[in-house]
Amino acid sequence: MKKILFFLMLAVCACSTPRTVTKGNSIASRMSTRLTKTERQWNAHLGQINFIDEARGTVGSDIYHALIPDADAYIRSVAREVMQTLYFSPDDSIPQCDILDYILRDDPGISAKGGGGGHINIFYSTRHVERSFRGSDTARVDFETRGVLLHELTHAFQLEPQGIGRYGRSRVVWELIEGMADAVRVAAGGFHGEADRPKGGSYHDGYRYIGYFLNWVRETKDPDFIRKMNRSCLDVVPWSWDMAVQYALGKGYTVDGLWHEYQVAVGDI
């Protein structure tokens, strides 16, 4: 117990101590209650947050509460980052999340998003929090918690491709949905750069393979590329990779051509 309390004291101190993990992305820098008019407009797309701790008494729960004393403000700040990465303005066609149930759970996994129709649930594993805290590393818990939340909240606010089936039945839908969530995480500094980038593979492999790829296009071709790819889900029907890429960048581009250019640029081939 003394060891756990010592860890928690470190976590509390870390909340008020500047970090160097990712400039501007520490918990303290995101917890301001003085919001601008535009930030309040982004916030309007996220209604009630129900914070539910099903793992009280676990080490991971204690660490989470010590590091993030105001979960509501924390979740809303990350949600704004997600929406600002996916959309041009708060006036865009953003799916409304009326209720978000955010659940701390004693689970062997990491996190997952469920629900729909304006009522979303996200669980986060207190075991993963505890694993992230190895070596009393509060910065690692901060970084990982934000990164996971960036991914899951993207699922709450991203647009879904139309005319090609649904998630779970369409490989292409799965590729885009999970790839876009990791693209937002990459763009917002939620991964450890090149160290977390998967080497080789294909954009059909989803998740970080697509996430790093889409972000590379954003950085080298068009800073609004992720926003335009998200918007393509409304305007490109039936949706396809090539048609969406051309919607975002113009005719003459193909996803296979871009993928090859990306692989050469990062030294994978």
C-alpha atoms as a PDB file:
ATOM      1  CA  MET A   1       0.000   0.000   0.000  1.00  0.00           C
ATOM      2  CA  LYS A   2       2.847   2.430   0.835  1.00  0.00           C
ATOM      3  CA  LYS A   3       4.316   1.754  -2.600  1.00  0.00           C
ATOM      4  CA  ILE A   4       0.998   2.528  -4.297  1.00  0.00           C
ATOM      5  CA  LEU A   5       0.583   5.754  -2.314  1.00  0.00           C
ATOM      6  CA  PHE A   6       4.096   6.798  -3.295  1.00  0.00           C
ATOM      7  CA  PHE A   7       3.245   6.215  -6.967  1.00  0.00           C
ATOM      8  CA  LEU A   8       0.096   8.299  -6.612  1.00  0.00           C
ATOM      9  CA  MET A   9       2.020  11.148  -5.011  1.00  0.00           C
ATOM     10  CA  LEU A  10       4.290  11.128  -8.031  1.00  0.00           C
ATOM     11  CA  ALA A  11       1.270  11.200 -10.313  1.00  0.00           C
ATOM     12  CA  VAL A  12      -0.263  14.163  -8.519  1.00  0.00           C
ATOM     13  CA  CYS A  13       3.035  16.034  -8.683  1.00  0.00           C
ATOM     14  CA  ALA A  14       3.290  15.236 -12.379  1.00  0.00           C
ATOM     15  CA  CYS A  15      -0.018  16.955 -13.026  1.00  0.00           C
ATOM     16  CA  SER A  16       1.540  20.288 -12.043  1.00  0.00           C
ATOM     17  CA  THR A  17       5.042  19.661 -13.351  1.00  0.00           C
ATOM     18  CA  PRO A  18       5.957  20.622 -16.935  1.00  0.00           C
ATOM     19  CA  ARG A  19       6.678  17.657 -19.209  1.00  0.00           C
ATOM     20  CA  THR A  20       8.694  17.337 -22.362  1.00  0.00           C
ATOM     21  CA  VAL A  21       6.826  14.401 -23.918  1.00  0.00           C
ATOM     22  CA  THR A  22       4.880  16.427 -26.475  1.00  0.00           C
ATOM     23  CA  LYS A  23       4.975  20.200 -26.325  1.00  0.00           C
ATOM     24  CA  GLY A  24       1.555  21.676 -25.605  1.00  0.00           C
ATOM     25  CA  ASN A  25      -0.041  18.283 -24.977  1.00  0.00           C
ATOM     26  CA  SER A  26       0.450  17.843 -21.226  1.00  0.00           C
ATOM     27  CA  ILE A  27      -2.675  17.409 -19.129  1.00  0.00           C
ATOM     28  CA  ALA A  28      -2.183  20.827 -17.509  1.00  0.00           C
ATOM     29  CA  SER A  29      -2.103  22.579 -20.902  1.00  0.00           C
ATOM     30  CA  ARG A  30      -5.437  21.029 -21.904  1.00  0.00           C
ATOM     31  CA  MET A  31      -7.432  21.584 -18.705  1.00  0.00           C
ATOM     32  CA  SER A  32      -8.158  25.315 -18.935  1.00  0.00           C
ATOM     33  CA  THR A  33     -11.766  26.186 -18.106  1.00  0.00           C
ATOM     34  CA  ARG A  34     -11.503  29.505 -19.961  1.00  0.00           C
ATOM     35  CA  LEU A  35     -12.781  28.486 -23.365  1.00  0.00           C
ATOM     36  CA  THR A  36     -12.940  30.633 -26.465  1.00  0.00           C
ATOM     37  CA  LYS A  37     -16.160  31.071 -28.404  1.00  0.00           C
ATOM     38  CA  THR A  38     -14.923  28.635 -31.052  1.00  0.00           C
ATOM     39  CA  GLU A  39     -13.990  26.040 -28.421  1.00  0.00           C
ATOM     40  CA  ARG A  40     -17.491  26.300 -26.978  1.00  0.00           C
ATOM     41  CA  GLN A  41     -18.887  25.756 -30.479  1.00  0.00           C
ATOM     42  CA  TRP A  42     -16.841  22.577 -30.847  1.00  0.00           C
ATOM     43  CA  ASN A  43     -18.004  21.505 -27.389  1.00  0.00           C
ATOM     44  CA  ALA A  44     -21.636  21.792 -28.497  1.00  0.00           C
ATOM     45  CA  HIS A  45     -21.237  18.551 -30.469  1.00  0.00           C
ATOM     46  CA  LEU A  46     -20.565  16.615 -27.262  1.00  0.00           C
ATOM     47  CA  GLY A  47     -23.397  16.623 -24.763  1.00  0.00           C
ATOM     48  CA  GLN A  48     -23.548  14.852 -21.429  1.00  0.00           C
ATOM     49  CA  ILE A  49     -20.545  12.839 -20.245  1.00  0.00           C
ATOM     50  CA  ASN A  50     -21.212  10.080 -17.736  1.00  0.00           C
ATOM     51  CA  PHE A  51     -17.936   9.093 -16.105  1.00  0.00           C
ATOM     52  CA  ILE A  52     -18.360   5.579 -14.697  1.00  0.00           C
ATOM     53  CA  ASP A  53     -15.641   3.880 -12.672  1.00  0.00           C
ATOM     54  CA  GLU A  54     -16.326   0.140 -12.547  1.00  0.00           C
ATOM     55  CA  ALA A  55     -12.836  -0.560 -11.202  1.00  0.00           C
ATOM     56  CA  ARG A  56     -12.679   1.476  -8.008  1.00  0.00           C
ATOM     57  CA  GLY A  57     -10.036   0.224  -5.634  1.00  0.00           C
ATOM     58  CA  THR A  58      -7.706  -1.015  -8.374  1.00  0.00           C
ATOM     59  CA  VAL A  59      -4.269   0.495  -8.744  1.00  0.00           C
ATOM     60  CA  GLY A  60      -5.084   1.641 -12.283  1.00  0.00           C
ATOM     61  CA  SER A  61      -8.206   3.474 -11.127  1.00  0.00           C
ATOM     62  CA  ASP A  62      -6.302   5.249  -8.353  1.00  0.00           C
ATOM     63  CA  ILE A  63      -3.588   6.322 -10.786  1.00  0.00           C
ATOM     64  CA  TYR A  64      -6.157   7.589 -13.311  1.00  0.00           C
ATOM     65  CA  HIS A  65      -8.006   9.698 -10.723  1.00  0.00           C
ATOM     66  CA  ALA A  66      -4.781  11.137  -9.337  1.00  0.00           C
ATOM     67  CA  LEU A  67      -3.520  12.098 -12.787  1.00  0.00           C
ATOM     68  CA  ILE A  68      -6.871  13.244 -14.221  1.00  0.00           C
ATOM     69  CA  PRO A  69      -8.955  14.791 -11.428  1.00  0.00           C
ATOM     70  CA  ASP A  70     -11.460  16.351 -13.856  1.00  0.00           C
ATOM     71  CA  ALA A  71     -12.267  13.656 -16.397  1.00  0.00           C
ATOM     72  CA  ASP A  72     -15.108  15.676 -17.970  1.00  0.00           C
ATOM     73  CA  ALA A  73     -12.855  18.609 -18.889  1.00  0.00           C
ATOM     74  CA  TYR A  74     -10.112  16.230 -20.028  1.00  0.00           C
ATOM     75  CA  ILE A  75     -12.402  14.259 -22.356  1.00  0.00           C
ATOM     76  CA  ARG A  76     -13.881  17.427 -23.829  1.00  0.00           C
ATOM     77  CA  SER A  77     -10.438  18.864 -24.537  1.00  0.00           C
ATOM     78  CA  VAL A  78      -9.400  15.722 -26.424  1.00  0.00           C
ATOM     79  CA  ALA A  79     -12.749  15.680 -28.260  1.00  0.00           C
ATOM     80  CA  ARG A  80     -12.042  19.198 -29.512  1.00  0.00           C
ATOM     81  CA  GLU A  81      -8.651  18.066 -30.820  1.00  0.00           C
ATOM     82  CA  VAL A  82     -10.347  15.224 -32.674  1.00  0.00           C
ATOM     83  CA  MET A  83     -13.018  17.402 -34.265  1.00  0.00           C
ATOM     84  CA  GLN A  84     -10.501  20.071 -35.248  1.00  0.00           C
ATOM     85  CA  THR A  85      -8.443  17.416 -37.017  1.00  0.00           C
ATOM     86  CA  LEU A  86     -11.442  15.944 -38.846  1.00  0.00           C
ATOM     87  CA  TYR A  87     -13.373  19.099 -39.744  1.00  0.00           C
ATOM     88  CA  PHE A  88     -12.833  22.617 -41.055  1.00  0.00           C
ATOM     89  CA  SER A  89     -15.188  24.327 -38.597  1.00  0.00           C
ATOM     90  CA  PRO A  90     -17.778  23.585 -35.890  1.00  0.00           C
ATOM     91  CA  ASP A  91     -20.446  24.326 -38.510  1.00  0.00           C
ATOM     92  CA  ASP A  92     -19.537  21.270 -40.602  1.00  0.00           C
ATOM     93  CA  SER A  93     -21.705  18.137 -40.720  1.00  0.00           C
ATOM     94  CA  ILE A  94     -20.426  16.638 -37.468  1.00  0.00           C
ATOM     95  CA  PRO A  95     -22.234  13.652 -35.929  1.00  0.00           C
ATOM     96  CA  GLN A  96     -23.789  14.704 -32.640  1.00  0.00           C
ATOM     97  CA  CYS A  97     -22.824  12.797 -29.520  1.00  0.00           C
ATOM     98  CA  ASP A  98     -25.622  13.553 -27.063  1.00  0.00           C
ATOM     99  CA  ILE A  99     -24.435  11.163 -24.365  1.00  0.00           C
ATOM    100  CA  LEU A 100     -20.991   9.674 -23.810  1.00  0.00           C
ATOM    101  CA  ASP A 101     -20.573   6.963 -21.205  1.00  0.00           C
ATOM    102  CA  TYR A 102     -16.856   6.842 -20.394  1.00  0.00           C
ATOM    103  CA  ILE A 103     -16.123   3.716 -18.372  1.00  0.00           C
ATOM    104  CA  LEU A 104     -13.040   2.725 -16.415  1.00  0.00           C
ATOM    105  CA  ARG A 105     -13.026  -1.069 -16.331  1.00  0.00           C
ATOM    106  CA  ASP A 106     -10.753  -3.791 -14.943  1.00  0.00           C
ATOM    107  CA  ASP A 107     -10.216  -5.410 -18.338  1.00  0.00           C
ATOM    108  CA  PRO A 108      -7.286  -7.252 -19.976  1.00  0.00           C
ATOM    109  CA  GLY A 109      -7.679  -5.219 -23.171  1.00  0.00           C
ATOM    110  CA  ILE A 110      -7.046  -1.521 -23.767  1.00  0.00           C
ATOM    111  CA  SER A 111     -10.121   0.382 -24.939  1.00  0.00           C
ATOM    112  CA  ALA A 112     -13.101   0.188 -27.286  1.00  0.00           C
ATOM    113  CA  LYS A 113     -15.964   2.321 -28.520  1.00  0.00           C
ATOM    114  CA  GLY A 114     -19.542   1.085 -28.705  1.00  0.00           C
ATOM    115  CA  GLY A 115     -23.046   2.418 -29.104  1.00  0.00           C
ATOM    116  CA  GLY A 116     -24.443   4.741 -31.752  1.00  0.00           C
ATOM    117  CA  GLY A 117     -27.340   7.002 -32.588  1.00  0.00           C
ATOM    118  CA  GLY A 118     -25.962   9.783 -30.433  1.00  0.00           C
ATOM    119  CA  HIS A 119     -25.333   7.599 -27.367  1.00  0.00           C
ATOM    120  CA  ILE A 120     -21.718   6.426 -27.333  1.00  0.00           C
ATOM    121  CA  ASN A 121     -19.797   4.374 -24.813  1.00  0.00           C
ATOM    122  CA  ILE A 122     -16.031   4.063 -24.456  1.00  0.00           C
ATOM    123  CA  PHE A 123     -14.314   1.802 -21.965  1.00  0.00           C
ATOM    124  CA  TYR A 124     -10.708   2.237 -20.866  1.00  0.00           C
ATOM    125  CA  SER A 125      -8.796  -0.500 -19.090  1.00  0.00           C
ATOM    126  CA  THR A 126      -7.361   0.264 -15.653  1.00  0.00           C
ATOM    127  CA  ARG A 127      -4.969  -2.626 -16.200  1.00  0.00           C
ATOM    128  CA  HIS A 128      -3.604  -0.743 -19.206  1.00  0.00           C
ATOM    129  CA  VAL A 129      -3.231   2.365 -17.033  1.00  0.00           C
ATOM    130  CA  GLU A 130      -1.254   0.317 -14.533  1.00  0.00           C
ATOM    131  CA  ARG A 131       0.911  -1.178 -17.296  1.00  0.00           C
ATOM    132  CA  SER A 132       1.592   2.317 -18.633  1.00  0.00           C
ATOM    133  CA  PHE A 133       2.702   3.393 -15.160  1.00  0.00           C
ATOM    134  CA  ARG A 134       5.641   0.988 -15.066  1.00  0.00           C
ATOM    135  CA  GLY A 135       8.616   2.737 -13.528  1.00  0.00           C
ATOM    136  CA  SER A 136       6.347   5.400 -11.977  1.00  0.00           C
ATOM    137  CA  ASP A 137       6.143   7.073 -15.395  1.00  0.00           C
ATOM    138  CA  THR A 138       3.260   9.538 -15.145  1.00  0.00           C
ATOM    139  CA  ALA A 139       4.197  11.113 -18.486  1.00  0.00           C
ATOM    140  CA  ARG A 140       3.734   7.731 -20.147  1.00  0.00           C
ATOM    141  CA  VAL A 141       0.254   7.357 -18.619  1.00  0.00           C
ATOM    142  CA  ASP A 142      -0.638  10.855 -19.813  1.00  0.00           C
ATOM    143  CA  PHE A 143       0.661  10.209 -23.317  1.00  0.00           C
ATOM    144  CA  GLU A 144      -0.960   6.782 -23.694  1.00  0.00           C
ATOM    145  CA  THR A 145      -4.307   7.801 -22.181  1.00  0.00           C
ATOM    146  CA  ARG A 146      -4.573  10.761 -24.529  1.00  0.00           C
ATOM    147  CA  GLY A 147      -3.492   8.695 -27.536  1.00  0.00           C
ATOM    148  CA  VAL A 148      -6.052   5.964 -26.887  1.00  0.00           C
ATOM    149  CA  LEU A 149      -8.773   8.557 -26.335  1.00  0.00           C
ATOM    150  CA  LEU A 150      -7.898  10.342 -29.593  1.00  0.00           C
ATOM    151  CA  HIS A 151      -8.507   7.058 -31.443  1.00  0.00           C
ATOM    152  CA  GLU A 152     -11.767   6.161 -29.707  1.00  0.00           C
ATOM    153  CA  LEU A 153     -13.260   9.654 -29.885  1.00  0.00           C
ATOM    154  CA  THR A 154     -12.515   9.734 -33.592  1.00  0.00           C
ATOM    155  CA  HIS A 155     -14.950   6.830 -33.887  1.00  0.00           C
ATOM    156  CA  ALA A 156     -17.571   8.979 -32.165  1.00  0.00           C
ATOM    157  CA  PHE A 157     -17.190  11.935 -34.541  1.00  0.00           C
ATOM    158  CA  GLN A 158     -15.881  10.647 -37.875  1.00  0.00           C
ATOM    159  CA  LEU A 159     -18.073  10.232 -40.945  1.00  0.00           C
ATOM    160  CA  GLU A 160     -18.580   6.745 -42.391  1.00  0.00           C
ATOM    161  CA  PRO A 161     -18.280   5.782 -46.068  1.00  0.00           C
ATOM    162  CA  GLN A 162     -21.554   5.192 -47.866  1.00  0.00           C
ATOM    163  CA  GLY A 163     -22.759   2.760 -50.489  1.00  0.00           C
ATOM    164  CA  ILE A 164     -20.277  -0.051 -49.747  1.00  0.00           C
ATOM    165  CA  GLY A 165     -21.747  -1.835 -46.754  1.00  0.00           C
ATOM    166  CA  ARG A 166     -21.197  -1.459 -43.042  1.00  0.00           C
ATOM    167  CA  TYR A 167     -18.368  -1.888 -40.571  1.00  0.00           C
ATOM    168  CA  GLY A 168     -17.927  -5.568 -39.843  1.00  0.00           C
ATOM    169  CA  ARG A 169     -19.139  -6.587 -43.289  1.00  0.00           C
ATOM    170  CA  SER A 170     -16.975  -4.447 -45.558  1.00  0.00           C
ATOM    171  CA  ARG A 171     -13.190  -4.663 -45.478  1.00  0.00           C
ATOM    172  CA  VAL A 172     -12.893  -1.218 -47.078  1.00  0.00           C
ATOM    173  CA  VAL A 173     -15.124   0.360 -44.443  1.00  0.00           C
ATOM    174  CA  TRP A 174     -13.013  -1.229 -41.711  1.00  0.00           C
ATOM    175  CA  GLU A 175      -9.816   0.024 -43.380  1.00  0.00           C
ATOM    176  CA  LEU A 176     -11.013   3.622 -43.468  1.00  0.00           C
ATOM    177  CA  ILE A 177     -12.708   3.722 -40.054  1.00  0.00           C
ATOM    178  CA  GLU A 178      -9.751   2.313 -38.133  1.00  0.00           C
ATOM    179  CA  GLY A 179      -7.152   3.972 -40.344  1.00  0.00           C
ATOM    180  CA  MET A 180      -8.745   7.387 -39.941  1.00  0.00           C
ATOM    181  CA  ALA A 181      -8.830   6.971 -36.152  1.00  0.00           C
ATOM    182  CA  ASP A 182      -5.108   6.313 -36.109  1.00  0.00           C
ATOM    183  CA  ALA A 183      -4.489   9.110 -38.637  1.00  0.00           C
ATOM    184  CA  VAL A 184      -6.070  11.556 -36.200  1.00  0.00           C
ATOM    185  CA  ARG A 185      -3.920  10.105 -33.424  1.00  0.00           C
ATOM    186  CA  VAL A 186      -0.774  10.515 -35.540  1.00  0.00           C
ATOM    187  CA  ALA A 187      -1.669  14.051 -36.652  1.00  0.00           C
ATOM    188  CA  ALA A 188      -2.384  15.115 -33.062  1.00  0.00           C
ATOM    189  CA  GLY A 189       0.928  13.753 -31.781  1.00  0.00           C
ATOM    190  CA  GLY A 190      -0.574  10.723 -30.087  1.00  0.00           C
ATOM    191  CA  PHE A 191       2.072   8.244 -31.246  1.00  0.00           C
ATOM    192  CA  HIS A 192       5.838   8.228 -30.763  1.00  0.00           C
ATOM    193  CA  GLY A 193       6.685   9.277 -34.297  1.00  0.00           C
ATOM    194  CA  GLU A 194       8.826   6.927 -36.353  1.00  0.00           C
ATOM    195  CA  ALA A 195       9.193   4.504 -33.435  1.00  0.00           C
ATOM    196  CA  ASP A 196       5.493   3.614 -33.652  1.00  0.00           C
ATOM    197  CA  ARG A 197       5.225   3.575 -37.444  1.00  0.00           C
ATOM    198  CA  PRO A 198       4.706   0.038 -38.814  1.00  0.00           C
ATOM    199  CA  LYS A 199       7.151  -0.808 -41.579  1.00  0.00           C
ATOM    200  CA  GLY A 200       6.154  -2.173 -44.986  1.00  0.00           C
ATOM    201  CA  GLY A 201       2.738  -3.772 -45.218  1.00  0.00           C
ATOM    202  CA  SER A 202      -0.206  -2.313 -47.118  1.00  0.00           C
ATOM    203  CA  TYR A 203      -2.881   0.293 -46.576  1.00  0.00           C
ATOM    204  CA  HIS A 204      -5.252  -2.674 -46.529  1.00  0.00           C
ATOM    205  CA  ASP A 205      -3.723  -3.558 -43.139  1.00  0.00           C
ATOM    206  CA  GLY A 206      -5.614  -0.717 -41.464  1.00  0.00           C
ATOM    207  CA  TYR A 207      -4.898   1.061 -38.191  1.00  0.00           C
ATOM    208  CA  ARG A 208      -1.383   2.581 -38.014  1.00  0.00           C
ATOM    209  CA  TYR A 209      -0.517   1.426 -41.550  1.00  0.00           C
ATOM    210  CA  ILE A 210      -3.218   3.724 -42.894  1.00  0.00           C
ATOM    211  CA  GLY A 211      -2.876   6.270 -40.099  1.00  0.00           C
ATOM    212  CA  TYR A 212       0.772   7.062 -40.793  1.00  0.00           C
ATOM    213  CA  PHE A 213       0.137   6.916 -44.546  1.00  0.00           C
ATOM    214  CA  LEU A 214      -2.740   9.426 -44.445  1.00  0.00           C
ATOM    215  CA  ASN A 215      -0.733  11.721 -42.216  1.00  0.00           C
ATOM    216  CA  TRP A 216       2.242  11.551 -44.602  1.00  0.00           C
ATOM    217  CA  VAL A 217      -0.061  12.683 -47.422  1.00  0.00           C
ATOM    218  CA  ARG A 218      -1.333  15.470 -45.174  1.00  0.00           C
ATOM    219  CA  GLU A 219       2.214  16.617 -44.491  1.00  0.00           C
ATOM    220  CA  THR A 220       3.502  16.354 -48.071  1.00  0.00           C
ATOM    221  CA  LYS A 221       0.500  17.040 -50.332  1.00  0.00           C
ATOM    222  CA  ASP A 222      -2.274  18.955 -48.591  1.00  0.00           C
ATOM    223  CA  PRO A 223      -2.572  20.052 -44.930  1.00  0.00           C
ATOM    224  CA  ASP A 224      -6.350  19.527 -45.189  1.00  0.00           C
ATOM    225  CA  PHE A 225      -6.083  16.006 -46.579  1.00  0.00           C
ATOM    226  CA  ILE A 226      -7.483  14.237 -43.507  1.00  0.00           C
ATOM    227  CA  ARG A 227     -10.409  16.669 -43.360  1.00  0.00           C
ATOM    228  CA  LYS A 228     -11.118  16.147 -47.052  1.00  0.00           C
ATOM    229  CA  MET A 229     -10.919  12.363 -46.770  1.00  0.00           C
ATOM    230  CA  ASN A 230     -13.387  12.500 -43.910  1.00  0.00           C
ATOM    231  CA  ARG A 231     -15.688  14.780 -45.929  1.00  0.00           C
ATOM    232  CA  SER A 232     -15.478  12.392 -48.891  1.00  0.00           C
ATOM    233  CA  CYS A 233     -17.681  10.019 -46.919  1.00  0.00           C
ATOM    234  CA  LEU A 234     -20.576  12.423 -47.571  1.00  0.00           C
ATOM    235  CA  ASP A 235     -19.758  13.427 -51.116  1.00  0.00           C
ATOM    236  CA  VAL A 236     -18.282  10.281 -52.714  1.00  0.00           C
ATOM    237  CA  VAL A 237     -21.014   7.649 -53.079  1.00  0.00           C
ATOM    238  CA  PRO A 238     -20.349   4.800 -53.479  1.00  0.00           C
ATOM    239  CA  TRP A 239     -17.116   5.398 -51.634  1.00  0.00           C
ATOM    240  CA  SER A 240     -13.774   3.998 -52.840  1.00  0.00           C
ATOM    241  CA  TRP A 241     -10.142   4.720 -52.021  1.00  0.00           C
ATOM    242  CA  ASP A 242      -9.307   6.053 -55.488  1.00  0.00           C
ATOM    243  CA  MET A 243     -12.409   8.249 -55.766  1.00  0.00           C
ATOM    244  CA  ALA A 244     -11.844   9.646 -52.274  1.00  0.00           C
ATOM    245  CA  VAL A 245      -8.178  10.391 -52.986  1.00  0.00           C
ATOM    246  CA  GLN A 246      -9.129  12.168 -56.209  1.00  0.00           C
ATOM    247  CA  TYR A 247     -11.841  14.085 -54.337  1.00  0.00           C
ATOM    248  CA  ALA A 248      -9.216  15.267 -51.880  1.00  0.00           C
ATOM    249  CA  LEU A 249      -6.228  15.858 -54.162  1.00  0.00           C
ATOM    250  CA  GLY A 250      -7.526  15.998 -57.713  1.00  0.00           C
ATOM    251  CA  LYS A 251      -7.551  13.678 -60.692  1.00  0.00           C
ATOM    252  CA  GLY A 252      -4.362  11.866 -61.557  1.00  0.00           C
ATOM    253  CA  TYR A 253      -3.858  10.470 -58.071  1.00  0.00           C
ATOM    254  CA  THR A 254      -4.483   6.861 -57.057  1.00  0.00           C
ATOM    255  CA  VAL A 255      -4.187   5.294 -53.642  1.00  0.00           C
ATOM    256  CA  ASP A 256      -1.743   2.685 -54.954  1.00  0.00           C
ATOM    257  CA  GLY A 257       0.422   5.392 -56.490  1.00  0.00           C
ATOM    258  CA  LEU A 258       0.436   7.413 -53.284  1.00  0.00           C
ATOM    259  CA  TRP A 259       1.187   4.329 -51.202  1.00  0.00           C
ATOM    260  CA  HIS A 260       4.194   3.510 -53.395  1.00  0.00           C
ATOM    261  CA  GLU A 261       5.438   7.101 -53.152  1.00  0.00           C
ATOM    262  CA  TYR A 262       5.009   6.977 -49.367  1.00  0.00           C
ATOM    263  CA  GLN A 263       6.881   3.680 -49.039  1.00  0.00           C
ATOM    264  CA  VAL A 264       9.792   5.042 -51.059  1.00  0.00           C
ATOM    265  CA  ALA A 265       9.842   8.313 -49.115  1.00  0.00           C
ATOM    266  CA  VAL A 266       9.998   6.631 -45.694  1.00  0.00           C
ATOM    267  CA  GLY A 267      12.604   4.118 -46.859  1.00  0.00           C
ATOM    268  CA  ASP A 268      10.512   0.961 -46.688  1.00  0.00           C
ATOM    269  CA  ILE A 269      11.278   0.045 -50.307  1.00  0.00           C
END
